[in-house]
N, C-alpha and C. Protein backbone atom coordinates (compact mmCIF):
# COMPACT_ATOMS: atom_id res chain seq x y z
N UNK A 1 -4.69 -11.58 -0.34
CA UNK A 1 -4.65 -12.23 -1.64
C UNK A 1 -5.15 -11.26 -2.72
N UNK A 2 -6.18 -10.50 -2.40
CA UNK A 2 -6.70 -9.55 -3.38
C UNK A 2 -5.64 -8.51 -3.72
N UNK A 3 -4.92 -8.04 -2.71
CA UNK A 3 -3.85 -7.07 -2.94
C UNK A 3 -2.79 -7.65 -3.88
N UNK A 4 -2.45 -8.92 -3.69
CA UNK A 4 -1.46 -9.57 -4.57
C UNK A 4 -1.96 -9.61 -6.01
N UNK A 5 -3.25 -9.94 -6.20
CA UNK A 5 -3.83 -9.97 -7.55
C UNK A 5 -3.81 -8.57 -8.17
N UNK A 6 -4.09 -7.55 -7.37
CA UNK A 6 -4.07 -6.19 -7.89
C UNK A 6 -2.66 -5.81 -8.36
N UNK A 7 -1.67 -6.19 -7.58
CA UNK A 7 -0.28 -5.88 -7.94
C UNK A 7 0.11 -6.61 -9.22
N UNK A 8 -0.23 -7.90 -9.31
CA UNK A 8 0.08 -8.68 -10.51
C UNK A 8 -0.59 -8.08 -11.74
N UNK A 9 -1.85 -7.69 -11.58
CA UNK A 9 -2.60 -7.08 -12.69
C UNK A 9 -1.94 -5.77 -13.12
N UNK A 10 -1.59 -4.93 -12.16
CA UNK A 10 -0.95 -3.65 -12.49
C UNK A 10 0.37 -3.87 -13.21
N UNK A 11 1.15 -4.85 -12.78
CA UNK A 11 2.43 -5.13 -13.43
C UNK A 11 2.22 -5.64 -14.86
N UNK A 12 1.23 -6.50 -15.05
CA UNK A 12 0.96 -7.04 -16.39
C UNK A 12 0.53 -5.92 -17.35
N UNK A 13 -0.34 -5.06 -16.89
CA UNK A 13 -0.80 -3.94 -17.72
C UNK A 13 0.36 -3.00 -18.02
N UNK A 14 1.20 -2.77 -17.02
CA UNK A 14 2.36 -1.90 -17.20
C UNK A 14 3.27 -2.43 -18.30
N UNK A 15 3.53 -3.75 -18.27
CA UNK A 15 4.39 -4.34 -19.31
C UNK A 15 3.73 -4.25 -20.69
N UNK A 16 2.44 -4.52 -20.76
CA UNK A 16 1.73 -4.55 -22.03
C UNK A 16 1.70 -3.17 -22.69
N UNK A 17 1.49 -2.13 -21.89
CA UNK A 17 1.30 -0.80 -22.44
C UNK A 17 2.50 0.12 -22.23
N UNK A 18 3.67 -0.44 -21.93
CA UNK A 18 4.84 0.39 -21.62
C UNK A 18 5.37 1.17 -22.82
N UNK A 19 5.01 0.78 -24.02
CA UNK A 19 5.55 1.45 -25.21
C UNK A 19 4.60 2.49 -25.81
N UNK A 20 3.40 2.64 -25.22
CA UNK A 20 2.45 3.62 -25.74
C UNK A 20 2.03 4.57 -24.60
N UNK A 21 1.59 5.79 -24.93
CA UNK A 21 1.12 6.70 -23.88
C UNK A 21 -0.04 6.07 -23.11
N UNK A 22 -0.01 6.21 -21.83
CA UNK A 22 -1.01 5.55 -20.99
C UNK A 22 -1.15 6.34 -19.69
N UNK A 23 -2.26 6.17 -19.00
CA UNK A 23 -2.44 6.81 -17.70
C UNK A 23 -1.84 5.94 -16.61
N UNK A 24 -1.23 6.59 -15.64
CA UNK A 24 -0.65 5.90 -14.49
C UNK A 24 -1.51 6.17 -13.26
N UNK A 25 -1.68 5.16 -12.43
CA UNK A 25 -2.38 5.31 -11.16
C UNK A 25 -1.32 5.58 -10.10
N UNK A 26 -1.40 6.75 -9.49
CA UNK A 26 -0.34 7.20 -8.59
C UNK A 26 -0.94 7.50 -7.21
N UNK A 27 -0.26 7.01 -6.18
CA UNK A 27 -0.61 7.37 -4.81
C UNK A 27 0.39 8.43 -4.33
N UNK A 28 -0.07 9.67 -4.13
CA UNK A 28 0.84 10.67 -3.56
C UNK A 28 1.31 10.22 -2.17
N UNK A 29 2.39 10.81 -1.70
CA UNK A 29 2.91 10.45 -0.38
C UNK A 29 1.82 10.69 0.67
N UNK A 30 1.68 9.76 1.60
CA UNK A 30 0.64 9.90 2.64
C UNK A 30 0.88 11.13 3.51
N UNK A 31 -0.20 11.62 4.10
CA UNK A 31 -0.11 12.75 5.01
C UNK A 31 0.56 12.31 6.31
N UNK A 32 1.29 13.23 6.92
CA UNK A 32 2.01 12.91 8.15
C UNK A 32 1.07 12.42 9.25
N UNK A 33 -0.10 13.05 9.38
CA UNK A 33 -1.07 12.61 10.40
C UNK A 33 -1.52 11.18 10.17
N UNK A 34 -1.74 10.83 8.90
CA UNK A 34 -2.17 9.46 8.58
C UNK A 34 -1.09 8.45 8.94
N UNK A 35 0.16 8.79 8.67
CA UNK A 35 1.28 7.90 9.00
C UNK A 35 1.41 7.76 10.51
N UNK A 36 1.30 8.88 11.24
CA UNK A 36 1.40 8.82 12.70
C UNK A 36 0.29 7.96 13.30
N UNK A 37 -0.93 8.09 12.77
CA UNK A 37 -2.04 7.26 13.24
C UNK A 37 -1.78 5.78 12.94
N UNK A 38 -1.27 5.51 11.75
CA UNK A 38 -0.95 4.13 11.38
C UNK A 38 0.10 3.55 12.33
N UNK A 39 1.14 4.33 12.61
CA UNK A 39 2.19 3.86 13.52
C UNK A 39 1.63 3.55 14.91
N UNK A 40 0.70 4.37 15.38
CA UNK A 40 0.08 4.14 16.69
C UNK A 40 -0.71 2.84 16.70
N UNK A 41 -1.47 2.60 15.64
CA UNK A 41 -2.26 1.37 15.57
C UNK A 41 -1.34 0.15 15.49
N UNK A 42 -0.30 0.23 14.68
CA UNK A 42 0.64 -0.87 14.57
C UNK A 42 1.29 -1.16 15.93
N UNK A 43 1.62 -0.10 16.66
CA UNK A 43 2.23 -0.26 17.98
C UNK A 43 1.26 -0.94 18.94
N UNK A 44 -0.03 -0.61 18.86
CA UNK A 44 -1.04 -1.24 19.72
C UNK A 44 -1.08 -2.76 19.51
N UNK A 45 -0.76 -3.18 18.29
CA UNK A 45 -0.77 -4.61 17.95
C UNK A 45 0.63 -5.21 18.00
N UNK A 46 1.57 -4.46 18.56
CA UNK A 46 2.97 -4.90 18.70
C UNK A 46 3.60 -5.28 17.36
N UNK A 47 3.29 -4.50 16.34
CA UNK A 47 3.86 -4.73 15.01
C UNK A 47 4.94 -3.68 14.77
N UNK A 48 6.16 -4.16 14.63
CA UNK A 48 7.30 -3.28 14.42
C UNK A 48 7.58 -3.17 12.93
N UNK A 49 7.43 -1.98 12.39
CA UNK A 49 7.72 -1.75 10.98
C UNK A 49 8.28 -0.35 10.84
N UNK A 50 9.44 -0.23 10.25
CA UNK A 50 10.10 1.07 10.07
C UNK A 50 9.95 1.54 8.62
N UNK A 51 9.31 2.68 8.46
CA UNK A 51 9.20 3.30 7.14
C UNK A 51 10.46 4.10 6.85
N UNK A 52 10.88 4.09 5.60
CA UNK A 52 12.01 4.91 5.17
C UNK A 52 11.52 6.07 4.31
N UNK A 53 10.73 5.74 3.28
CA UNK A 53 10.27 6.80 2.37
C UNK A 53 8.78 6.71 2.02
N UNK A 54 8.05 5.85 2.72
CA UNK A 54 6.60 5.70 2.53
C UNK A 54 6.23 5.36 1.09
N UNK A 55 7.05 4.56 0.46
CA UNK A 55 6.80 4.15 -0.92
C UNK A 55 5.73 3.07 -0.96
N UNK A 56 5.15 2.88 -2.14
CA UNK A 56 4.15 1.83 -2.29
C UNK A 56 4.78 0.45 -2.04
N UNK A 57 6.07 0.34 -2.34
CA UNK A 57 6.77 -0.92 -2.08
C UNK A 57 6.80 -1.21 -0.58
N UNK A 58 7.04 -0.18 0.22
CA UNK A 58 7.04 -0.38 1.68
C UNK A 58 5.66 -0.77 2.19
N UNK A 59 4.63 -0.15 1.64
CA UNK A 59 3.27 -0.51 2.06
C UNK A 59 2.96 -1.96 1.68
N UNK A 60 3.44 -2.38 0.51
CA UNK A 60 3.26 -3.78 0.10
C UNK A 60 3.99 -4.72 1.06
N UNK A 61 5.19 -4.33 1.49
CA UNK A 61 5.95 -5.13 2.45
C UNK A 61 5.20 -5.23 3.79
N UNK A 62 4.62 -4.11 4.21
CA UNK A 62 3.86 -4.10 5.46
C UNK A 62 2.63 -5.00 5.34
N UNK A 63 1.93 -4.91 4.22
CA UNK A 63 0.76 -5.77 4.01
C UNK A 63 1.16 -7.25 4.00
N UNK A 64 2.31 -7.53 3.43
CA UNK A 64 2.80 -8.91 3.42
C UNK A 64 3.09 -9.38 4.85
N UNK A 65 3.69 -8.50 5.64
CA UNK A 65 3.97 -8.84 7.04
C UNK A 65 2.68 -9.10 7.80
N UNK A 66 1.67 -8.29 7.56
CA UNK A 66 0.37 -8.44 8.22
C UNK A 66 -0.29 -9.75 7.79
N UNK A 67 -0.08 -10.16 6.55
CA UNK A 67 -0.73 -11.37 6.03
C UNK A 67 -0.30 -12.63 6.78
N UNK A 68 0.82 -12.56 7.50
CA UNK A 68 1.29 -13.74 8.24
C UNK A 68 0.63 -13.89 9.62
N UNK A 69 -0.19 -12.90 10.00
CA UNK A 69 -0.88 -13.00 11.29
C UNK A 69 -1.88 -14.14 11.28
N UNK A 70 -2.00 -14.82 12.39
CA UNK A 70 -2.92 -15.95 12.48
C UNK A 70 -4.36 -15.50 12.72
N UNK A 71 -4.56 -14.44 13.47
CA UNK A 71 -5.91 -13.95 13.79
C UNK A 71 -6.47 -13.20 12.59
N UNK A 72 -7.44 -13.80 11.89
CA UNK A 72 -7.95 -13.21 10.65
C UNK A 72 -8.68 -11.90 10.89
N UNK A 73 -9.38 -11.75 12.00
CA UNK A 73 -10.08 -10.48 12.25
C UNK A 73 -9.08 -9.35 12.48
N UNK A 74 -7.99 -9.65 13.16
CA UNK A 74 -6.92 -8.66 13.38
C UNK A 74 -6.28 -8.30 12.05
N UNK A 75 -6.05 -9.31 11.23
CA UNK A 75 -5.43 -9.10 9.92
C UNK A 75 -6.30 -8.21 9.05
N UNK A 76 -7.59 -8.49 8.99
CA UNK A 76 -8.51 -7.71 8.16
C UNK A 76 -8.57 -6.26 8.64
N UNK A 77 -8.64 -6.09 9.95
CA UNK A 77 -8.68 -4.74 10.51
C UNK A 77 -7.42 -3.96 10.14
N UNK A 78 -6.27 -4.57 10.35
CA UNK A 78 -5.00 -3.88 10.06
C UNK A 78 -4.83 -3.59 8.58
N UNK A 79 -5.26 -4.50 7.71
CA UNK A 79 -5.18 -4.24 6.27
C UNK A 79 -5.98 -3.00 5.90
N UNK A 80 -7.17 -2.87 6.49
CA UNK A 80 -8.01 -1.69 6.20
C UNK A 80 -7.36 -0.42 6.72
N UNK A 81 -6.79 -0.47 7.91
CA UNK A 81 -6.12 0.70 8.48
C UNK A 81 -4.95 1.11 7.60
N UNK A 82 -4.19 0.13 7.15
CA UNK A 82 -3.04 0.42 6.29
C UNK A 82 -3.48 1.06 4.98
N UNK A 83 -4.46 0.47 4.33
CA UNK A 83 -4.92 1.00 3.05
C UNK A 83 -5.55 2.38 3.19
N UNK A 84 -6.23 2.62 4.30
CA UNK A 84 -6.83 3.94 4.53
C UNK A 84 -5.78 5.01 4.82
N UNK A 85 -4.60 4.61 5.22
CA UNK A 85 -3.55 5.59 5.50
C UNK A 85 -2.92 6.12 4.21
N UNK A 86 -3.13 5.43 3.11
CA UNK A 86 -2.61 5.90 1.82
C UNK A 86 -3.42 7.10 1.33
N UNK A 87 -2.76 7.99 0.63
CA UNK A 87 -3.47 9.09 -0.02
C UNK A 87 -4.29 8.52 -1.17
N UNK A 88 -5.37 9.21 -1.48
CA UNK A 88 -6.23 8.76 -2.57
C UNK A 88 -5.45 8.76 -3.88
N UNK A 89 -5.60 7.69 -4.64
CA UNK A 89 -4.90 7.57 -5.91
C UNK A 89 -5.42 8.59 -6.92
N UNK A 90 -4.51 9.06 -7.75
CA UNK A 90 -4.88 9.95 -8.85
C UNK A 90 -4.33 9.34 -10.13
N UNK A 91 -4.84 9.78 -11.25
CA UNK A 91 -4.37 9.30 -12.53
C UNK A 91 -3.62 10.41 -13.24
N UNK A 92 -2.49 10.04 -13.85
CA UNK A 92 -1.65 11.03 -14.49
C UNK A 92 -1.01 10.45 -15.75
N UNK A 93 -0.73 11.31 -16.71
CA UNK A 93 -0.04 10.88 -17.93
C UNK A 93 1.45 10.69 -17.65
N UNK A 94 1.94 11.24 -16.52
CA UNK A 94 3.35 11.09 -16.14
C UNK A 94 3.48 10.13 -14.98
N UNK A 95 4.44 9.23 -15.06
CA UNK A 95 4.69 8.27 -14.00
C UNK A 95 5.66 8.89 -12.99
N UNK A 96 5.13 9.31 -11.87
CA UNK A 96 6.01 9.95 -10.89
C UNK A 96 6.23 9.06 -9.68
């Protein structure tokens, strides 16, 4: 739920400030080792998810898929693993 609120907030700010210069919060593409570790953990939990380009949209889709799990401790653990697999966000004047 917190992730959903963060996304909604980011979209609202983006719309509000789209006509003036502003800083963008950007996640560079994750490191290959981080993705491989994530895939291994997902496989341990029998979660099938195919990445195409490791976009933030795909990570949001994966988090949404995880949110449907019934076991809350498993869900919380996997959400943390997923978020830790992302590269650290940076701020830039250019939206890349």
